[in-house]
Amino acid sequence: MAHPVPLVASEADLRAVPDDRIAHLVDGVIYSHARPRIPHAEVCGAIHRELSYLFNDTRRSGPGGWLFLIEAELALGHDILVPDIAAWRRERLPRAPSATQFSIAPDWVCEILSPSTEAFDRGPKRRSYARAQVPYLWYVQPESKLIEVFRKQGDFYASVADGLFTERITLEPFEAVAIELGELGEWADAKPDE
C-alpha cells in the first residue's frame, strides 16, 4: 500500500502569508499568527531596552558585548523563524548584516508567551532553536510576571533559572549584571495577546 507524500511548504508559501501576520516555516509547515498587541510589544520593548542598555554598548553602564534585535527573521537550516528578541555575542556577529534574514543562529532568544502562541513557542519553535544550537532561550510569561531561563544541554533545553519581573534578578547568559524589569508588571496586567 502506498503512503501519501505529505505536502511540504516552501519559502515562497511563507512569503504569501499576509503582512498583518507573523509567519514561520518549521519542518516544512507554515505557522502564522496575528501580529502582537500593544501590551506584548511593550513587554518585548522593555526587555530589549533593559538588556540593550546594559549589554549592547560598552560606553554605557554594563559590560556590553551583545547585539540585540527585535523580530529579526532567522533562516536556520530549512526553518525560517521570527523570535520576539534575539541576541548575538559581538565576537560572532559584530554588527547586523544588511540582508533581510540572518543565517547565523543567535546566542540567546526571548519569546513573550501568549495563549495563542505558547504551544508553538514551546514546541516546534523550541525544537528548531535546539537544532540550530541556540545556547539560551528565555520564556516570558507576562500574566504571572515570570521569566524562565533554559540552557541548551545536548539535544534539549534544561531549565536553569527563573525570576519575577518584580525582583532584581541575575539570569544567564547576562549574569554579569542584575536586571530590573519591575515596570513590566504594569504592562503584564493588560493581558498581552489573547
N, C-alpha and C. Protein backbone atom coordinates (compact mmCIF):
# COMPACT_ATOMS: atom_id res chain seq x y z
N MET A 1 0.84 -1.17 0.00
CA MET A 1 0.00 0.00 0.00
C MET A 1 0.89 1.24 0.00
N ALA A 2 0.60 2.17 -0.89
CA ALA A 2 1.36 3.42 -0.98
C ALA A 2 0.89 4.40 0.08
N HIS A 3 1.83 5.10 0.64
CA HIS A 3 1.50 6.14 1.62
C HIS A 3 1.58 7.49 0.94
N PRO A 4 0.62 8.37 1.19
CA PRO A 4 0.66 9.69 0.55
C PRO A 4 1.89 10.47 1.02
N VAL A 5 2.46 11.22 0.12
CA VAL A 5 3.60 12.07 0.45
C VAL A 5 3.05 13.37 1.02
N PRO A 6 3.47 13.74 2.23
CA PRO A 6 2.95 14.99 2.80
C PRO A 6 3.43 16.20 2.00
N LEU A 7 2.57 17.17 1.89
CA LEU A 7 2.95 18.41 1.21
C LEU A 7 3.88 19.20 2.12
N VAL A 8 4.94 19.71 1.56
CA VAL A 8 5.90 20.49 2.32
C VAL A 8 5.85 21.92 1.82
N ALA A 9 5.68 22.85 2.75
CA ALA A 9 5.61 24.26 2.39
C ALA A 9 7.01 24.77 2.05
N SER A 10 7.07 25.79 1.24
CA SER A 10 8.33 26.38 0.81
C SER A 10 8.44 27.82 1.31
N GLU A 11 9.58 28.43 1.07
CA GLU A 11 9.75 29.83 1.43
C GLU A 11 8.78 30.71 0.63
N ALA A 12 8.49 30.32 -0.61
CA ALA A 12 7.52 31.07 -1.41
C ALA A 12 6.14 31.04 -0.74
N ASP A 13 5.76 29.90 -0.18
CA ASP A 13 4.49 29.81 0.55
C ASP A 13 4.51 30.72 1.77
N LEU A 14 5.64 30.77 2.43
CA LEU A 14 5.79 31.64 3.61
C LEU A 14 5.60 33.10 3.22
N ARG A 15 6.18 33.52 2.11
CA ARG A 15 6.08 34.90 1.65
C ARG A 15 4.66 35.27 1.22
N ALA A 16 3.83 34.27 0.95
CA ALA A 16 2.44 34.53 0.54
C ALA A 16 1.53 34.83 1.73
N VAL A 17 2.02 34.63 2.95
CA VAL A 17 1.21 34.92 4.14
C VAL A 17 1.03 36.43 4.22
N PRO A 18 -0.19 36.91 4.47
CA PRO A 18 -0.44 38.37 4.53
C PRO A 18 0.48 39.08 5.53
N ASP A 19 0.80 40.32 5.23
CA ASP A 19 1.72 41.11 6.04
C ASP A 19 1.20 41.41 7.45
N ASP A 20 -0.09 41.26 7.67
CA ASP A 20 -0.62 41.55 9.00
C ASP A 20 -0.43 40.36 9.96
N ARG A 21 0.28 39.33 9.50
CA ARG A 21 0.55 38.15 10.31
C ARG A 21 2.05 37.91 10.38
N ILE A 22 2.50 37.29 11.46
CA ILE A 22 3.89 36.83 11.56
C ILE A 22 3.87 35.35 11.19
N ALA A 23 4.76 34.98 10.29
CA ALA A 23 4.77 33.60 9.81
C ALA A 23 6.14 32.97 10.02
N HIS A 24 6.12 31.66 10.29
CA HIS A 24 7.32 30.86 10.50
C HIS A 24 7.20 29.62 9.62
N LEU A 25 8.33 29.10 9.19
CA LEU A 25 8.38 27.85 8.45
C LEU A 25 9.25 26.90 9.25
N VAL A 26 8.63 25.86 9.82
CA VAL A 26 9.35 24.90 10.65
C VAL A 26 8.99 23.50 10.20
N ASP A 27 10.01 22.72 9.89
CA ASP A 27 9.81 21.34 9.44
C ASP A 27 8.85 21.24 8.27
N GLY A 28 8.90 22.22 7.37
CA GLY A 28 8.06 22.19 6.18
C GLY A 28 6.62 22.60 6.41
N VAL A 29 6.32 23.13 7.59
CA VAL A 29 4.96 23.55 7.94
C VAL A 29 4.99 25.05 8.23
N ILE A 30 4.00 25.77 7.70
CA ILE A 30 3.88 27.20 7.99
C ILE A 30 2.99 27.39 9.21
N TYR A 31 3.49 28.16 10.16
CA TYR A 31 2.74 28.56 11.34
C TYR A 31 2.60 30.07 11.26
N SER A 32 1.40 30.58 11.40
CA SER A 32 1.25 32.04 11.39
C SER A 32 0.29 32.46 12.49
N HIS A 33 0.48 33.68 12.93
CA HIS A 33 -0.39 34.24 13.97
C HIS A 33 -0.46 35.74 13.77
N ALA A 34 -1.46 36.33 14.37
CA ALA A 34 -1.64 37.78 14.27
C ALA A 34 -0.44 38.50 14.87
N ARG A 35 -0.16 39.68 14.37
CA ARG A 35 0.91 40.49 14.96
C ARG A 35 0.54 40.78 16.41
N PRO A 36 1.54 40.90 17.28
CA PRO A 36 1.26 41.11 18.70
C PRO A 36 0.51 42.41 18.97
N ARG A 37 -0.26 42.37 20.04
CA ARG A 37 -0.96 43.57 20.51
C ARG A 37 0.01 44.46 21.28
N ILE A 38 -0.43 45.65 21.57
CA ILE A 38 0.43 46.66 22.21
C ILE A 38 1.04 46.17 23.54
N PRO A 39 0.29 45.55 24.46
CA PRO A 39 0.93 45.10 25.70
C PRO A 39 2.08 44.12 25.46
N HIS A 40 1.93 43.22 24.50
CA HIS A 40 3.00 42.28 24.14
C HIS A 40 4.22 43.07 23.65
N ALA A 41 4.00 44.03 22.77
CA ALA A 41 5.09 44.85 22.24
C ALA A 41 5.76 45.66 23.34
N GLU A 42 5.00 46.14 24.32
CA GLU A 42 5.58 46.90 25.42
C GLU A 42 6.50 46.02 26.27
N VAL A 43 6.06 44.79 26.56
CA VAL A 43 6.89 43.86 27.34
C VAL A 43 8.17 43.56 26.56
N CYS A 44 8.03 43.27 25.29
CA CYS A 44 9.17 42.98 24.43
C CYS A 44 10.12 44.18 24.39
N GLY A 45 9.58 45.37 24.21
CA GLY A 45 10.39 46.58 24.16
C GLY A 45 11.12 46.86 25.46
N ALA A 46 10.45 46.61 26.58
CA ALA A 46 11.08 46.87 27.88
C ALA A 46 12.25 45.93 28.12
N ILE A 47 12.10 44.66 27.77
CA ILE A 47 13.20 43.71 27.93
C ILE A 47 14.35 44.10 27.00
N HIS A 48 14.01 44.43 25.77
CA HIS A 48 15.03 44.84 24.80
C HIS A 48 15.79 46.08 25.30
N ARG A 49 15.06 47.08 25.78
CA ARG A 49 15.71 48.31 26.27
C ARG A 49 16.65 48.02 27.44
N GLU A 50 16.18 47.25 28.41
CA GLU A 50 16.99 46.97 29.60
C GLU A 50 18.26 46.21 29.23
N LEU A 51 18.12 45.15 28.45
CA LEU A 51 19.30 44.36 28.09
C LEU A 51 20.22 45.12 27.13
N SER A 52 19.64 45.84 26.18
CA SER A 52 20.47 46.61 25.25
C SER A 52 21.26 47.68 25.98
N TYR A 53 20.62 48.34 26.92
CA TYR A 53 21.31 49.40 27.67
C TYR A 53 22.53 48.84 28.39
N LEU A 54 22.38 47.66 28.98
CA LEU A 54 23.46 47.09 29.76
C LEU A 54 24.49 46.31 28.94
N PHE A 55 24.02 45.66 27.87
CA PHE A 55 24.90 44.70 27.20
C PHE A 55 25.19 45.01 25.73
N ASN A 56 24.60 46.06 25.17
CA ASN A 56 24.80 46.34 23.76
C ASN A 56 25.99 47.25 23.50
N ASP A 57 26.30 48.13 24.43
CA ASP A 57 27.30 49.16 24.17
C ASP A 57 28.17 49.35 25.41
N THR A 58 29.45 49.12 25.30
CA THR A 58 30.34 49.22 26.46
C THR A 58 30.52 50.65 26.97
N ARG A 59 30.06 51.65 26.23
CA ARG A 59 30.15 53.03 26.71
C ARG A 59 29.08 53.32 27.77
N ARG A 60 28.17 52.40 27.94
CA ARG A 60 27.12 52.58 28.94
C ARG A 60 27.55 51.92 30.24
N SER A 61 26.60 51.68 31.13
CA SER A 61 26.94 51.19 32.46
C SER A 61 27.24 49.69 32.54
N GLY A 62 26.90 48.93 31.53
CA GLY A 62 27.08 47.49 31.60
C GLY A 62 28.31 47.01 30.85
N PRO A 63 28.48 45.69 30.80
CA PRO A 63 29.67 45.11 30.18
C PRO A 63 29.67 45.10 28.65
N GLY A 64 28.54 45.31 28.01
CA GLY A 64 28.47 45.30 26.55
C GLY A 64 28.69 43.92 25.97
N GLY A 65 29.05 43.89 24.67
CA GLY A 65 29.42 42.64 24.05
C GLY A 65 28.32 41.91 23.29
N TRP A 66 27.12 42.49 23.18
CA TRP A 66 26.00 41.81 22.52
C TRP A 66 25.34 42.72 21.49
N LEU A 67 24.70 42.11 20.50
CA LEU A 67 23.87 42.80 19.51
C LEU A 67 22.45 42.25 19.67
N PHE A 68 21.47 43.12 19.95
CA PHE A 68 20.07 42.73 20.19
C PHE A 68 19.18 43.22 19.05
N LEU A 69 18.25 42.38 18.62
CA LEU A 69 17.29 42.76 17.60
C LEU A 69 15.91 42.22 17.94
N ILE A 70 14.89 43.02 17.63
CA ILE A 70 13.50 42.60 17.82
C ILE A 70 12.97 42.08 16.49
N GLU A 71 12.31 40.94 16.53
CA GLU A 71 11.66 40.31 15.36
C GLU A 71 12.58 40.20 14.15
N ALA A 72 13.81 39.78 14.36
CA ALA A 72 14.73 39.51 13.25
C ALA A 72 14.35 38.18 12.61
N GLU A 73 14.32 38.13 11.30
CA GLU A 73 13.99 36.87 10.62
C GLU A 73 15.24 36.01 10.54
N LEU A 74 15.13 34.79 11.05
CA LEU A 74 16.24 33.86 11.10
C LEU A 74 16.03 32.74 10.10
N ALA A 75 17.01 32.48 9.27
CA ALA A 75 16.99 31.33 8.37
C ALA A 75 17.95 30.31 8.96
N LEU A 76 17.38 29.34 9.69
CA LEU A 76 18.18 28.35 10.41
C LEU A 76 17.97 26.99 9.77
N GLY A 77 18.91 26.59 8.94
CA GLY A 77 18.73 25.35 8.18
C GLY A 77 17.57 25.52 7.22
N HIS A 78 16.60 24.61 7.29
CA HIS A 78 15.42 24.69 6.43
C HIS A 78 14.29 25.50 7.07
N ASP A 79 14.50 25.94 8.31
CA ASP A 79 13.46 26.66 9.04
C ASP A 79 13.67 28.17 8.94
N ILE A 80 12.55 28.89 8.95
CA ILE A 80 12.59 30.36 8.99
C ILE A 80 11.72 30.78 10.17
N LEU A 81 12.33 31.48 11.11
CA LEU A 81 11.68 31.84 12.37
C LEU A 81 11.80 33.33 12.63
N VAL A 82 10.86 33.84 13.43
CA VAL A 82 10.91 35.23 13.86
C VAL A 82 10.75 35.25 15.38
N PRO A 83 11.87 35.28 16.12
CA PRO A 83 11.76 35.37 17.59
C PRO A 83 11.36 36.78 18.01
N ASP A 84 10.79 36.89 19.20
CA ASP A 84 10.45 38.22 19.71
C ASP A 84 11.71 39.06 19.86
N ILE A 85 12.73 38.51 20.51
CA ILE A 85 14.02 39.19 20.64
C ILE A 85 15.11 38.14 20.43
N ALA A 86 16.16 38.51 19.73
CA ALA A 86 17.32 37.63 19.56
C ALA A 86 18.57 38.45 19.80
N ALA A 87 19.63 37.78 20.26
CA ALA A 87 20.89 38.48 20.50
C ALA A 87 22.06 37.58 20.13
N TRP A 88 23.11 38.25 19.65
CA TRP A 88 24.34 37.58 19.25
C TRP A 88 25.49 38.20 20.02
N ARG A 89 26.44 37.38 20.42
CA ARG A 89 27.67 37.91 21.00
C ARG A 89 28.43 38.62 19.89
N ARG A 90 28.95 39.79 20.19
CA ARG A 90 29.60 40.61 19.17
C ARG A 90 30.82 39.93 18.54
N GLU A 91 31.47 39.01 19.26
CA GLU A 91 32.60 38.32 18.63
C GLU A 91 32.12 37.39 17.51
N ARG A 92 30.86 36.98 17.54
CA ARG A 92 30.29 36.15 16.47
C ARG A 92 29.60 36.98 15.39
N LEU A 93 29.01 38.10 15.77
CA LEU A 93 28.31 38.97 14.83
C LEU A 93 28.56 40.43 15.27
N PRO A 94 29.63 41.04 14.78
CA PRO A 94 29.99 42.39 15.24
C PRO A 94 28.93 43.45 14.96
N ARG A 95 28.22 43.31 13.82
CA ARG A 95 27.14 44.27 13.50
C ARG A 95 26.09 43.54 12.67
N ALA A 96 24.91 44.11 12.64
CA ALA A 96 23.81 43.49 11.90
C ALA A 96 24.10 43.56 10.40
N PRO A 97 23.95 42.45 9.70
CA PRO A 97 24.15 42.49 8.25
C PRO A 97 22.99 43.23 7.58
N SER A 98 23.19 43.64 6.35
CA SER A 98 22.15 44.38 5.63
C SER A 98 21.11 43.47 4.99
N ALA A 99 21.32 42.16 5.04
CA ALA A 99 20.37 41.21 4.45
C ALA A 99 19.05 41.22 5.23
N THR A 100 18.01 40.68 4.64
CA THR A 100 16.71 40.62 5.30
C THR A 100 16.59 39.45 6.26
N GLN A 101 17.48 38.47 6.14
CA GLN A 101 17.48 37.31 7.03
C GLN A 101 18.86 37.11 7.64
N PHE A 102 18.87 36.49 8.81
CA PHE A 102 20.11 36.11 9.46
C PHE A 102 20.27 34.60 9.30
N SER A 103 21.43 34.16 8.85
CA SER A 103 21.68 32.72 8.79
C SER A 103 22.58 32.27 9.93
N ILE A 104 23.06 33.22 10.73
CA ILE A 104 23.86 32.90 11.90
C ILE A 104 22.91 32.76 13.09
N ALA A 105 22.89 31.59 13.69
CA ALA A 105 21.99 31.36 14.83
C ALA A 105 22.36 32.30 15.98
N PRO A 106 21.35 32.86 16.66
CA PRO A 106 21.65 33.73 17.79
C PRO A 106 22.21 32.95 18.97
N ASP A 107 22.79 33.68 19.92
CA ASP A 107 23.30 33.09 21.15
C ASP A 107 22.24 33.08 22.24
N TRP A 108 21.18 33.83 22.02
CA TRP A 108 20.09 33.95 23.00
C TRP A 108 18.83 34.35 22.27
N VAL A 109 17.71 33.77 22.69
CA VAL A 109 16.40 34.11 22.14
C VAL A 109 15.43 34.29 23.30
N CYS A 110 14.54 35.27 23.15
CA CYS A 110 13.49 35.52 24.14
C CYS A 110 12.15 35.48 23.45
N GLU A 111 11.23 34.69 23.97
CA GLU A 111 9.87 34.61 23.45
C GLU A 111 8.90 35.09 24.53
N ILE A 112 8.04 36.04 24.18
CA ILE A 112 6.99 36.52 25.07
C ILE A 112 5.79 35.60 24.82
N LEU A 113 5.40 34.84 25.83
CA LEU A 113 4.34 33.85 25.65
C LEU A 113 2.96 34.48 25.71
N SER A 114 2.08 33.94 24.89
CA SER A 114 0.67 34.34 24.93
C SER A 114 -0.15 33.07 24.70
N PRO A 115 -1.42 33.07 25.07
CA PRO A 115 -2.23 31.87 24.87
C PRO A 115 -2.27 31.40 23.41
N SER A 116 -2.19 32.34 22.47
CA SER A 116 -2.29 31.95 21.06
C SER A 116 -0.99 31.40 20.47
N THR A 117 0.15 31.63 21.12
CA THR A 117 1.43 31.19 20.54
C THR A 117 2.25 30.27 21.44
N GLU A 118 1.84 30.07 22.69
CA GLU A 118 2.67 29.32 23.64
C GLU A 118 2.97 27.90 23.17
N ALA A 119 1.99 27.18 22.66
CA ALA A 119 2.23 25.79 22.22
C ALA A 119 3.26 25.76 21.10
N PHE A 120 3.19 26.68 20.16
CA PHE A 120 4.17 26.75 19.07
C PHE A 120 5.55 27.13 19.61
N ASP A 121 5.60 28.15 20.49
CA ASP A 121 6.88 28.60 21.04
C ASP A 121 7.58 27.48 21.82
N ARG A 122 6.82 26.74 22.60
CA ARG A 122 7.41 25.68 23.43
C ARG A 122 7.59 24.36 22.67
N GLY A 123 6.98 24.24 21.49
CA GLY A 123 7.05 23.00 20.72
C GLY A 123 7.94 23.13 19.50
N PRO A 124 7.34 23.28 18.31
CA PRO A 124 8.15 23.30 17.08
C PRO A 124 9.24 24.38 17.06
N LYS A 125 8.94 25.56 17.55
CA LYS A 125 9.93 26.64 17.51
C LYS A 125 11.13 26.31 18.40
N ARG A 126 10.86 25.79 19.57
CA ARG A 126 11.92 25.40 20.50
C ARG A 126 12.80 24.29 19.91
N ARG A 127 12.17 23.31 19.24
CA ARG A 127 12.95 22.23 18.61
C ARG A 127 13.84 22.78 17.51
N SER A 128 13.34 23.76 16.77
CA SER A 128 14.15 24.38 15.72
C SER A 128 15.35 25.12 16.32
N TYR A 129 15.14 25.85 17.41
CA TYR A 129 16.25 26.53 18.08
C TYR A 129 17.29 25.51 18.55
N ALA A 130 16.82 24.38 19.07
CA ALA A 130 17.75 23.34 19.54
C ALA A 130 18.58 22.79 18.39
N ARG A 131 17.94 22.52 17.25
CA ARG A 131 18.67 22.02 16.07
C ARG A 131 19.72 23.03 15.60
N ALA A 132 19.41 24.32 15.73
CA ALA A 132 20.32 25.39 15.29
C ALA A 132 21.39 25.70 16.34
N GLN A 133 21.35 25.02 17.47
CA GLN A 133 22.35 25.18 18.53
C GLN A 133 22.29 26.55 19.21
N VAL A 134 21.09 27.11 19.37
CA VAL A 134 20.94 28.36 20.12
C VAL A 134 21.19 28.02 21.60
N PRO A 135 22.22 28.60 22.22
CA PRO A 135 22.59 28.20 23.58
C PRO A 135 21.58 28.55 24.68
N TYR A 136 20.89 29.71 24.56
CA TYR A 136 20.00 30.15 25.63
C TYR A 136 18.64 30.54 25.09
N LEU A 137 17.61 30.21 25.86
CA LEU A 137 16.23 30.50 25.49
C LEU A 137 15.50 30.99 26.73
N TRP A 138 14.87 32.15 26.60
CA TRP A 138 14.03 32.68 27.69
C TRP A 138 12.58 32.65 27.25
N TYR A 139 11.70 32.28 28.20
CA TYR A 139 10.26 32.44 28.01
C TYR A 139 9.79 33.45 29.04
N VAL A 140 9.04 34.44 28.59
CA VAL A 140 8.49 35.46 29.48
C VAL A 140 6.99 35.27 29.54
N GLN A 141 6.48 35.09 30.74
CA GLN A 141 5.04 34.92 30.96
C GLN A 141 4.50 36.19 31.60
N PRO A 142 3.95 37.11 30.81
CA PRO A 142 3.51 38.39 31.35
C PRO A 142 2.47 38.28 32.45
N GLU A 143 1.52 37.37 32.34
CA GLU A 143 0.45 37.31 33.36
C GLU A 143 0.97 36.89 34.71
N SER A 144 1.93 35.95 34.76
CA SER A 144 2.48 35.52 36.05
C SER A 144 3.75 36.29 36.41
N LYS A 145 4.16 37.22 35.51
CA LYS A 145 5.35 38.05 35.74
C LYS A 145 6.61 37.20 35.91
N LEU A 146 6.71 36.10 35.17
CA LEU A 146 7.79 35.14 35.31
C LEU A 146 8.66 35.10 34.05
N ILE A 147 9.97 35.02 34.27
CA ILE A 147 10.93 34.78 33.19
C ILE A 147 11.55 33.41 33.48
N GLU A 148 11.46 32.51 32.50
CA GLU A 148 12.07 31.18 32.60
C GLU A 148 13.33 31.16 31.73
N VAL A 149 14.41 30.62 32.27
CA VAL A 149 15.68 30.56 31.55
C VAL A 149 16.03 29.11 31.27
N PHE A 150 16.35 28.83 29.99
CA PHE A 150 16.75 27.49 29.57
C PHE A 150 18.11 27.56 28.90
N ARG A 151 18.95 26.57 29.20
CA ARG A 151 20.27 26.45 28.57
C ARG A 151 20.30 25.15 27.77
N LYS A 152 20.88 25.22 26.58
CA LYS A 152 20.99 24.04 25.72
C LYS A 152 21.97 23.06 26.34
N GLN A 153 21.51 21.84 26.52
CA GLN A 153 22.36 20.77 27.05
C GLN A 153 22.11 19.54 26.18
N GLY A 154 23.10 19.19 25.36
CA GLY A 154 22.91 18.09 24.42
C GLY A 154 21.87 18.48 23.38
N ASP A 155 20.88 17.63 23.19
CA ASP A 155 19.85 17.89 22.19
C ASP A 155 18.65 18.67 22.74
N PHE A 156 18.66 18.98 24.02
CA PHE A 156 17.49 19.57 24.66
C PHE A 156 17.85 20.81 25.45
N TYR A 157 16.81 21.49 25.93
CA TYR A 157 16.99 22.64 26.81
C TYR A 157 16.66 22.23 28.24
N ALA A 158 17.53 22.61 29.16
CA ALA A 158 17.31 22.35 30.58
C ALA A 158 16.96 23.67 31.26
N SER A 159 15.98 23.63 32.14
CA SER A 159 15.62 24.81 32.92
C SER A 159 16.75 25.07 33.92
N VAL A 160 17.29 26.29 33.89
CA VAL A 160 18.40 26.61 34.79
C VAL A 160 18.05 27.71 35.80
N ALA A 161 17.00 28.46 35.56
CA ALA A 161 16.63 29.53 36.49
C ALA A 161 15.28 30.11 36.10
N ASP A 162 14.72 30.86 37.02
CA ASP A 162 13.56 31.69 36.71
C ASP A 162 13.56 32.85 37.69
N GLY A 163 12.81 33.85 37.35
CA GLY A 163 12.74 35.02 38.22
C GLY A 163 11.52 35.84 37.90
N LEU A 164 11.09 36.65 38.84
CA LEU A 164 9.93 37.51 38.67
C LEU A 164 10.36 38.89 38.21
N PHE A 165 9.53 39.52 37.37
CA PHE A 165 9.80 40.89 36.91
C PHE A 165 10.01 41.83 38.10
N THR A 166 9.26 41.58 39.15
CA THR A 166 9.23 42.50 40.28
C THR A 166 10.49 42.44 41.13
N GLU A 167 11.39 41.51 40.81
CA GLU A 167 12.63 41.36 41.57
C GLU A 167 13.82 41.86 40.75
N ARG A 168 14.87 42.21 41.44
CA ARG A 168 16.15 42.47 40.77
C ARG A 168 16.78 41.10 40.58
N ILE A 169 16.99 40.69 39.32
CA ILE A 169 17.38 39.31 39.04
C ILE A 169 18.64 39.23 38.19
N THR A 170 19.36 38.13 38.37
CA THR A 170 20.55 37.83 37.59
C THR A 170 20.27 36.53 36.85
N LEU A 171 20.24 36.60 35.52
CA LEU A 171 19.87 35.44 34.72
C LEU A 171 20.87 35.19 33.60
N GLU A 172 21.18 33.92 33.37
CA GLU A 172 22.06 33.55 32.25
C GLU A 172 21.41 33.94 30.93
N PRO A 173 22.17 34.33 29.95
CA PRO A 173 23.62 34.48 29.89
C PRO A 173 24.08 35.88 30.27
N PHE A 174 23.22 36.64 30.92
CA PHE A 174 23.54 38.03 31.27
C PHE A 174 23.80 38.18 32.76
N GLU A 175 24.46 37.20 33.34
CA GLU A 175 24.65 37.18 34.79
C GLU A 175 25.66 38.19 35.30
N ALA A 176 26.35 38.91 34.42
CA ALA A 176 27.34 39.90 34.85
C ALA A 176 26.69 41.07 35.59
N VAL A 177 25.41 41.33 35.30
CA VAL A 177 24.71 42.45 35.91
C VAL A 177 23.28 42.02 36.24
N ALA A 178 22.80 42.39 37.42
CA ALA A 178 21.40 42.13 37.75
C ALA A 178 20.52 43.07 36.94
N ILE A 179 19.40 42.56 36.48
CA ILE A 179 18.50 43.40 35.70
C ILE A 179 17.24 43.69 36.50
N GLU A 180 16.63 44.81 36.18
CA GLU A 180 15.43 45.28 36.88
C GLU A 180 14.35 45.46 35.84
N LEU A 181 13.31 44.64 35.93
CA LEU A 181 12.22 44.72 34.97
C LEU A 181 10.89 45.00 35.67
N GLY A 182 10.94 45.59 36.84
CA GLY A 182 9.75 45.80 37.65
C GLY A 182 8.61 46.48 36.92
N GLU A 183 8.93 47.44 36.04
CA GLU A 183 7.88 48.16 35.33
C GLU A 183 7.06 47.24 34.43
N LEU A 184 7.60 46.08 34.09
CA LEU A 184 6.84 45.15 33.26
C LEU A 184 5.56 44.69 33.93
N GLY A 185 5.56 44.67 35.25
CA GLY A 185 4.39 44.21 35.97
C GLY A 185 3.14 44.99 35.61
N GLU A 186 3.27 46.30 35.37
CA GLU A 186 2.12 47.12 34.99
C GLU A 186 1.57 46.69 33.64
N TRP A 187 2.45 46.41 32.68
CA TRP A 187 2.02 46.01 31.35
C TRP A 187 1.47 44.59 31.34
N ALA A 188 2.04 43.74 32.18
CA ALA A 188 1.59 42.36 32.21
C ALA A 188 0.12 42.27 32.60
N ASP A 189 -0.33 43.19 33.44
CA ASP A 189 -1.72 43.16 33.87
C ASP A 189 -2.68 43.46 32.73
N ALA A 190 -2.17 43.99 31.61
CA ALA A 190 -3.03 44.35 30.48
C ALA A 190 -3.32 43.18 29.55
N LYS A 191 -2.84 41.97 29.86
CA LYS A 191 -3.05 40.76 29.06
C LYS A 191 -2.53 40.93 27.63
N PRO A 192 -1.31 40.46 27.35
CA PRO A 192 -0.65 40.70 26.10
C PRO A 192 -1.41 40.27 24.84
N ASP A 193 -1.63 39.02 24.63
CA ASP A 193 -2.28 38.53 23.41
C ASP A 193 -3.24 37.42 23.79
N GLU A 194 -4.44 37.57 23.41
CA GLU A 194 -5.43 36.51 23.70
C GLU A 194 -5.48 35.56 22.53
